[in-house]
């Protein structure tokens, strides 16, 4: 399988399955509106250069990063 082609994602303009990742950021939710935090990811089509964004709900707990002291 080609790593640049995912069968479940394609360009909304030309429907090409070839795209490149552009950026990812976390959007804060507002409790007064009842919205939850989301992750926004940007992509660019390799065929027609169209850009699009996809939003998904953010994980409820961010992953923990373990820091180890370097013996030495």
PDB file of N, CA and C in Angstrom:
ATOM      1  N   UNK A   1       0.848  -1.189   0.000  1.00  0.00           N
ATOM      2  CA  UNK A   1       0.000   0.000   0.000  1.00  0.00           C
ATOM      3  C   UNK A   1       0.885   1.241   0.000  1.00  0.00           C
ATOM      4  N   UNK A   2       0.563   2.186  -0.805  1.00  0.00           N
ATOM      5  CA  UNK A   2       1.295   3.432  -0.892  1.00  0.00           C
ATOM      6  C   UNK A   2       0.967   4.298   0.327  1.00  0.00           C
ATOM      7  N   UNK A   3       1.987   4.773   1.096  1.00  0.00           N
ATOM      8  CA  UNK A   3       1.692   5.552   2.302  1.00  0.00           C
ATOM      9  C   UNK A   3       1.078   6.918   2.020  1.00  0.00           C
ATOM     10  N   UNK A   4       1.163   7.422   0.769  1.00  0.00           N
ATOM     11  CA  UNK A   4       0.594   8.728   0.451  1.00  0.00           C
ATOM     12  C   UNK A   4      -0.883   8.652   0.083  1.00  0.00           C
ATOM     13  N   UNK A   5      -1.428   7.463  -0.027  1.00  0.00           N
ATOM     14  CA  UNK A   5      -2.826   7.301  -0.426  1.00  0.00           C
ATOM     15  C   UNK A   5      -3.585   6.555   0.667  1.00  0.00           C
ATOM     16  N   UNK A   6      -4.607   7.191   1.226  1.00  0.00           N
ATOM     17  CA  UNK A   6      -5.489   6.541   2.191  1.00  0.00           C
ATOM     18  C   UNK A   6      -6.836   6.354   1.515  1.00  0.00           C
ATOM     19  N   UNK A   7      -7.375   5.155   1.517  1.00  0.00           N
ATOM     20  CA  UNK A   7      -8.634   4.922   0.811  1.00  0.00           C
ATOM     21  C   UNK A   7      -9.839   5.628   1.421  1.00  0.00           C
ATOM     22  N   UNK A   8      -9.773   6.040   2.697  1.00  0.00           N
ATOM     23  CA  UNK A   8     -10.929   6.657   3.328  1.00  0.00           C
ATOM     24  C   UNK A   8     -10.894   8.190   3.310  1.00  0.00           C
ATOM     25  N   UNK A   9      -9.874   8.809   2.694  1.00  0.00           N
ATOM     26  CA  UNK A   9      -9.803  10.267   2.629  1.00  0.00           C
ATOM     27  C   UNK A   9      -9.442  10.669   1.205  1.00  0.00           C
ATOM     28  N   UNK A  10     -10.130  11.672   0.685  1.00  0.00           N
ATOM     29  CA  UNK A  10      -9.827  12.156  -0.662  1.00  0.00           C
ATOM     30  C   UNK A  10     -10.173  13.640  -0.746  1.00  0.00           C
ATOM     31  N   UNK A  11      -9.680  14.281  -1.776  1.00  0.00           N
ATOM     32  CA  UNK A  11      -9.914  15.707  -2.004  1.00  0.00           C
ATOM     33  C   UNK A  11     -11.408  15.945  -2.261  1.00  0.00           C
ATOM     34  N   UNK A  12     -12.016  16.905  -1.570  1.00  0.00           N
ATOM     35  CA  UNK A  12     -13.434  17.182  -1.812  1.00  0.00           C
ATOM     36  C   UNK A  12     -13.691  17.854  -3.167  1.00  0.00           C
ATOM     37  N   UNK A  13     -12.652  18.434  -3.779  1.00  0.00           N
ATOM     38  CA  UNK A  13     -12.836  19.125  -5.056  1.00  0.00           C
ATOM     39  C   UNK A  13     -12.717  18.164  -6.243  1.00  0.00           C
ATOM     40  N   UNK A  14     -11.598  17.405  -6.313  1.00  0.00           N
ATOM     41  CA  UNK A  14     -11.374  16.543  -7.483  1.00  0.00           C
ATOM     42  C   UNK A  14     -11.459  15.057  -7.151  1.00  0.00           C
ATOM     43  N   UNK A  15     -11.641  14.724  -5.876  1.00  0.00           N
ATOM     44  CA  UNK A  15     -11.779  13.353  -5.389  1.00  0.00           C
ATOM     45  C   UNK A  15     -10.522  12.498  -5.577  1.00  0.00           C
ATOM     46  N   UNK A  16      -9.375  13.144  -5.683  1.00  0.00           N
ATOM     47  CA  UNK A  16      -8.111  12.416  -5.771  1.00  0.00           C
ATOM     48  C   UNK A  16      -7.732  11.905  -4.380  1.00  0.00           C
ATOM     49  N   UNK A  17      -7.273  10.659  -4.268  1.00  0.00           N
ATOM     50  CA  UNK A  17      -6.886  10.132  -2.952  1.00  0.00           C
ATOM     51  C   UNK A  17      -5.464  10.533  -2.545  1.00  0.00           C
ATOM     52  N   UNK A  18      -4.744  11.280  -3.363  1.00  0.00           N
ATOM     53  CA  UNK A  18      -3.376  11.681  -3.060  1.00  0.00           C
ATOM     54  C   UNK A  18      -3.378  13.083  -2.453  1.00  0.00           C
ATOM     55  N   UNK A  19      -2.851  13.224  -1.233  1.00  0.00           N
ATOM     56  CA  UNK A  19      -2.852  14.493  -0.527  1.00  0.00           C
ATOM     57  C   UNK A  19      -1.619  14.577   0.355  1.00  0.00           C
ATOM     58  N   UNK A  20      -1.346  15.764   0.888  1.00  0.00           N
ATOM     59  CA  UNK A  20      -0.258  15.936   1.842  1.00  0.00           C
ATOM     60  C   UNK A  20      -0.795  16.610   3.093  1.00  0.00           C
ATOM     61  N   UNK A  21      -0.246  16.230   4.226  1.00  0.00           N
ATOM     62  CA  UNK A  21      -0.598  16.805   5.516  1.00  0.00           C
ATOM     63  C   UNK A  21      -0.006  18.207   5.599  1.00  0.00           C
ATOM     64  N   UNK A  22      -0.779  19.178   6.105  1.00  0.00           N
ATOM     65  CA  UNK A  22      -0.290  20.549   6.222  1.00  0.00           C
ATOM     66  C   UNK A  22      -0.068  20.964   7.671  1.00  0.00           C
ATOM     67  N   UNK A  23      -1.076  20.804   8.531  1.00  0.00           N
ATOM     68  CA  UNK A  23      -0.922  21.207   9.927  1.00  0.00           C
ATOM     69  C   UNK A  23      -2.022  20.591  10.780  1.00  0.00           C
ATOM     70  N   UNK A  24      -1.801  20.656  12.097  1.00  0.00           N
ATOM     71  CA  UNK A  24      -2.794  20.164  13.052  1.00  0.00           C
ATOM     72  C   UNK A  24      -2.772  21.088  14.261  1.00  0.00           C
ATOM     73  N   UNK A  25      -3.960  21.440  14.755  1.00  0.00           N
ATOM     74  CA  UNK A  25      -4.043  22.261  15.954  1.00  0.00           C
ATOM     75  C   UNK A  25      -5.263  21.875  16.765  1.00  0.00           C
ATOM     76  N   UNK A  26      -5.193  22.150  18.064  1.00  0.00           N
ATOM     77  CA  UNK A  26      -6.294  21.856  18.973  1.00  0.00           C
ATOM     78  C   UNK A  26      -7.106  23.114  19.182  1.00  0.00           C
ATOM     79  N   UNK A  27      -8.413  23.010  19.012  1.00  0.00           N
ATOM     80  CA  UNK A  27      -9.329  24.133  19.220  1.00  0.00           C
ATOM     81  C   UNK A  27     -10.028  23.935  20.554  1.00  0.00           C
ATOM     82  N   UNK A  28     -10.003  24.962  21.376  1.00  0.00           N
ATOM     83  CA  UNK A  28     -10.626  24.881  22.691  1.00  0.00           C
ATOM     84  C   UNK A  28     -12.147  24.910  22.565  1.00  0.00           C
ATOM     85  N   UNK A  29     -12.816  24.159  23.396  1.00  0.00           N
ATOM     86  CA  UNK A  29     -14.273  24.187  23.444  1.00  0.00           C
ATOM     87  C   UNK A  29     -14.727  25.222  24.452  1.00  0.00           C
ATOM     88  N   UNK A  30     -15.944  25.681  24.344  1.00  0.00           N
ATOM     89  CA  UNK A  30     -16.466  26.639  25.319  1.00  0.00           C
ATOM     90  C   UNK A  30     -17.591  25.978  26.108  1.00  0.00           C
ATOM     91  N   UNK A  31     -17.449  25.919  27.433  1.00  0.00           N
ATOM     92  CA  UNK A  31     -18.468  25.263  28.261  1.00  0.00           C
ATOM     93  C   UNK A  31     -19.836  25.933  28.185  1.00  0.00           C
ATOM     94  N   UNK A  32     -19.883  27.264  27.982  1.00  0.00           N
ATOM     95  CA  UNK A  32     -21.182  27.942  27.937  1.00  0.00           C
ATOM     96  C   UNK A  32     -21.975  27.565  26.686  1.00  0.00           C
ATOM     97  N   UNK A  33     -21.286  27.199  25.612  1.00  0.00           N
ATOM     98  CA  UNK A  33     -21.971  26.753  24.392  1.00  0.00           C
ATOM     99  C   UNK A  33     -22.168  25.246  24.367  1.00  0.00           C
ATOM    100  N   UNK A  34     -21.500  24.550  25.280  1.00  0.00           N
ATOM    101  CA  UNK A  34     -21.607  23.098  25.309  1.00  0.00           C
ATOM    102  C   UNK A  34     -20.735  22.411  24.268  1.00  0.00           C
ATOM    103  N   UNK A  35     -19.793  23.158  23.683  1.00  0.00           N
ATOM    104  CA  UNK A  35     -18.924  22.555  22.671  1.00  0.00           C
ATOM    105  C   UNK A  35     -17.690  21.957  23.331  1.00  0.00           C
ATOM    106  N   UNK A  36     -17.206  20.885  22.742  1.00  0.00           N
ATOM    107  CA  UNK A  36     -16.045  20.175  23.261  1.00  0.00           C
ATOM    108  C   UNK A  36     -14.805  20.581  22.469  1.00  0.00           C
ATOM    109  N   UNK A  37     -13.623  20.338  23.023  1.00  0.00           N
ATOM    110  CA  UNK A  37     -12.398  20.615  22.271  1.00  0.00           C
ATOM    111  C   UNK A  37     -12.335  19.755  21.012  1.00  0.00           C
ATOM    112  N   UNK A  38     -11.786  20.330  19.950  1.00  0.00           N
ATOM    113  CA  UNK A  38     -11.668  19.619  18.675  1.00  0.00           C
ATOM    114  C   UNK A  38     -10.244  19.720  18.158  1.00  0.00           C
ATOM    115  N   UNK A  39      -9.895  18.805  17.259  1.00  0.00           N
ATOM    116  CA  UNK A  39      -8.608  18.840  16.577  1.00  0.00           C
ATOM    117  C   UNK A  39      -8.887  19.154  15.118  1.00  0.00           C
ATOM    118  N   UNK A  40      -8.270  20.224  14.611  1.00  0.00           N
ATOM    119  CA  UNK A  40      -8.436  20.623  13.219  1.00  0.00           C
ATOM    120  C   UNK A  40      -7.172  20.236  12.452  1.00  0.00           C
ATOM    121  N   UNK A  41      -7.341  19.496  11.372  1.00  0.00           N
ATOM    122  CA  UNK A  41      -6.217  19.059  10.553  1.00  0.00           C
ATOM    123  C   UNK A  41      -6.400  19.591   9.143  1.00  0.00           C
ATOM    124  N   UNK A  42      -5.316  20.148   8.576  1.00  0.00           N
ATOM    125  CA  UNK A  42      -5.364  20.699   7.223  1.00  0.00           C
ATOM    126  C   UNK A  42      -4.616  19.780   6.270  1.00  0.00           C
ATOM    127  N   UNK A  43      -5.156  19.667   5.048  1.00  0.00           N
ATOM    128  CA  UNK A  43      -4.559  18.838   3.999  1.00  0.00           C
ATOM    129  C   UNK A  43      -4.511  19.630   2.703  1.00  0.00           C
ATOM    130  N   UNK A  44      -3.604  19.236   1.794  1.00  0.00           N
ATOM    131  CA  UNK A  44      -3.529  19.827   0.453  1.00  0.00           C
ATOM    132  C   UNK A  44      -3.509  18.688  -0.567  1.00  0.00           C
ATOM    133  N   UNK A  45      -4.351  18.813  -1.584  1.00  0.00           N
ATOM    134  CA  UNK A  45      -4.428  17.824  -2.652  1.00  0.00           C
ATOM    135  C   UNK A  45      -3.174  17.924  -3.517  1.00  0.00           C
ATOM    136  N   UNK A  46      -2.577  16.787  -3.840  1.00  0.00           N
ATOM    137  CA  UNK A  46      -1.396  16.770  -4.695  1.00  0.00           C
ATOM    138  C   UNK A  46      -1.781  16.945  -6.171  1.00  0.00           C
ATOM    139  N   UNK A  47      -3.005  16.638  -6.530  1.00  0.00           N
ATOM    140  CA  UNK A  47      -3.429  16.726  -7.927  1.00  0.00           C
ATOM    141  C   UNK A  47      -3.869  18.143  -8.321  1.00  0.00           C
ATOM    142  N   UNK A  48      -4.725  18.778  -7.513  1.00  0.00           N
ATOM    143  CA  UNK A  48      -5.278  20.081  -7.903  1.00  0.00           C
ATOM    144  C   UNK A  48      -4.889  21.222  -6.956  1.00  0.00           C
ATOM    145  N   UNK A  49      -4.116  20.944  -5.922  1.00  0.00           N
ATOM    146  CA  UNK A  49      -3.633  21.929  -4.940  1.00  0.00           C
ATOM    147  C   UNK A  49      -4.735  22.553  -4.084  1.00  0.00           C
ATOM    148  N   UNK A  50      -5.905  21.964  -4.065  1.00  0.00           N
ATOM    149  CA  UNK A  50      -6.970  22.457  -3.193  1.00  0.00           C
ATOM    150  C   UNK A  50      -6.610  22.121  -1.747  1.00  0.00           C
ATOM    151  N   UNK A  51      -6.991  23.003  -0.817  1.00  0.00           N
ATOM    152  CA  UNK A  51      -6.755  22.767   0.598  1.00  0.00           C
ATOM    153  C   UNK A  51      -8.090  22.578   1.300  1.00  0.00           C
ATOM    154  N   UNK A  52      -8.118  21.705   2.302  1.00  0.00           N
ATOM    155  CA  UNK A  52      -9.323  21.498   3.088  1.00  0.00           C
ATOM    156  C   UNK A  52      -8.955  21.172   4.518  1.00  0.00           C
ATOM    157  N   UNK A  53      -9.959  21.311   5.413  1.00  0.00           N
ATOM    158  CA  UNK A  53      -9.777  21.074   6.838  1.00  0.00           C
ATOM    159  C   UNK A  53     -10.743  19.986   7.275  1.00  0.00           C
ATOM    160  N   UNK A  54     -10.302  19.197   8.239  1.00  0.00           N
ATOM    161  CA  UNK A  54     -11.170  18.203   8.858  1.00  0.00           C
ATOM    162  C   UNK A  54     -11.104  18.410  10.361  1.00  0.00           C
ATOM    163  N   UNK A  55     -12.259  18.369  11.006  1.00  0.00           N
ATOM    164  CA  UNK A  55     -12.321  18.515  12.460  1.00  0.00           C
ATOM    165  C   UNK A  55     -12.837  17.228  13.083  1.00  0.00           C
ATOM    166  N   UNK A  56     -12.161  16.814  14.138  1.00  0.00           N
ATOM    167  CA  UNK A  56     -12.577  15.649  14.919  1.00  0.00           C
ATOM    168  C   UNK A  56     -12.558  16.028  16.385  1.00  0.00           C
ATOM    169  N   UNK A  57     -13.293  15.320  17.213  1.00  0.00           N
ATOM    170  CA  UNK A  57     -13.297  15.634  18.635  1.00  0.00           C
ATOM    171  C   UNK A  57     -11.945  15.249  19.241  1.00  0.00           C
ATOM    172  N   UNK A  58     -11.463  16.098  20.123  1.00  0.00           N
ATOM    173  CA  UNK A  58     -10.166  15.879  20.763  1.00  0.00           C
ATOM    174  C   UNK A  58     -10.304  14.790  21.819  1.00  0.00           C
ATOM    175  N   UNK A  59      -9.235  14.056  22.067  1.00  0.00           N
ATOM    176  CA  UNK A  59      -9.285  13.063  23.146  1.00  0.00           C
ATOM    177  C   UNK A  59      -9.535  13.760  24.479  1.00  0.00           C
ATOM    178  N   UNK A  60     -10.237  13.111  25.383  1.00  0.00           N
ATOM    179  CA  UNK A  60     -10.597  13.737  26.647  1.00  0.00           C
ATOM    180  C   UNK A  60      -9.384  13.972  27.539  1.00  0.00           C
ATOM    181  N   UNK A  61      -8.386  13.107  27.458  1.00  0.00           N
ATOM    182  CA  UNK A  61      -7.171  13.256  28.255  1.00  0.00           C
ATOM    183  C   UNK A  61      -5.980  13.260  27.307  1.00  0.00           C
ATOM    184  N   UNK A  62      -5.150  14.307  27.344  1.00  0.00           N
ATOM    185  CA  UNK A  62      -3.989  14.312  26.456  1.00  0.00           C
ATOM    186  C   UNK A  62      -3.006  13.216  26.840  1.00  0.00           C
ATOM    187  N   UNK A  63      -2.283  12.661  25.866  1.00  0.00           N
ATOM    188  CA  UNK A  63      -1.340  11.598  26.184  1.00  0.00           C
ATOM    189  C   UNK A  63      -0.210  12.117  27.065  1.00  0.00           C
ATOM    190  N   UNK A  64       0.222  11.300  28.015  1.00  0.00           N
ATOM    191  CA  UNK A  64       1.297  11.660  28.919  1.00  0.00           C
ATOM    192  C   UNK A  64       2.633  11.353  28.270  1.00  0.00           C
ATOM    193  N   UNK A  65       3.568  12.270  28.406  1.00  0.00           N
ATOM    194  CA  UNK A  65       4.907  12.078  27.869  1.00  0.00           C
ATOM    195  C   UNK A  65       5.819  11.753  29.029  1.00  0.00           C
ATOM    196  N   UNK A  66       6.499  10.636  28.917  1.00  0.00           N
ATOM    197  CA  UNK A  66       7.393  10.209  29.984  1.00  0.00           C
ATOM    198  C   UNK A  66       8.780  10.773  29.698  1.00  0.00           C
ATOM    199  N   UNK A  67       9.325  11.463  30.699  1.00  0.00           N
ATOM    200  CA  UNK A  67      10.651  12.040  30.571  1.00  0.00           C
ATOM    201  C   UNK A  67      11.604  11.243  31.453  1.00  0.00           C
ATOM    202  N   UNK A  68      12.654  10.741  30.832  1.00  0.00           N
ATOM    203  CA  UNK A  68      13.629   9.960  31.584  1.00  0.00           C
ATOM    204  C   UNK A  68      14.949  10.720  31.656  1.00  0.00           C
ATOM    205  N   UNK A  69      15.585  10.617  32.803  1.00  0.00           N
ATOM    206  CA  UNK A  69      16.899  11.242  32.949  1.00  0.00           C
ATOM    207  C   UNK A  69      17.913  10.407  32.173  1.00  0.00           C
ATOM    208  N   UNK A  70      18.796  11.082  31.503  1.00  0.00           N
ATOM    209  CA  UNK A  70      19.814  10.404  30.718  1.00  0.00           C
ATOM    210  C   UNK A  70      21.019  10.121  31.613  1.00  0.00           C
ATOM    211  N   UNK A  71      21.243   8.834  31.956  1.00  0.00           N
ATOM    212  CA  UNK A  71      22.378   8.535  32.836  1.00  0.00           C
ATOM    213  C   UNK A  71      23.684   8.810  32.102  1.00  0.00           C
ATOM    214  N   UNK A  72      24.576   9.467  32.827  1.00  0.00           N
ATOM    215  CA  UNK A  72      25.708   9.609  32.113  1.00  0.00           C
ATOM    216  C   UNK A  72      26.897  10.256  32.195  1.00  0.00           C
TER     217      UNK A  72
END
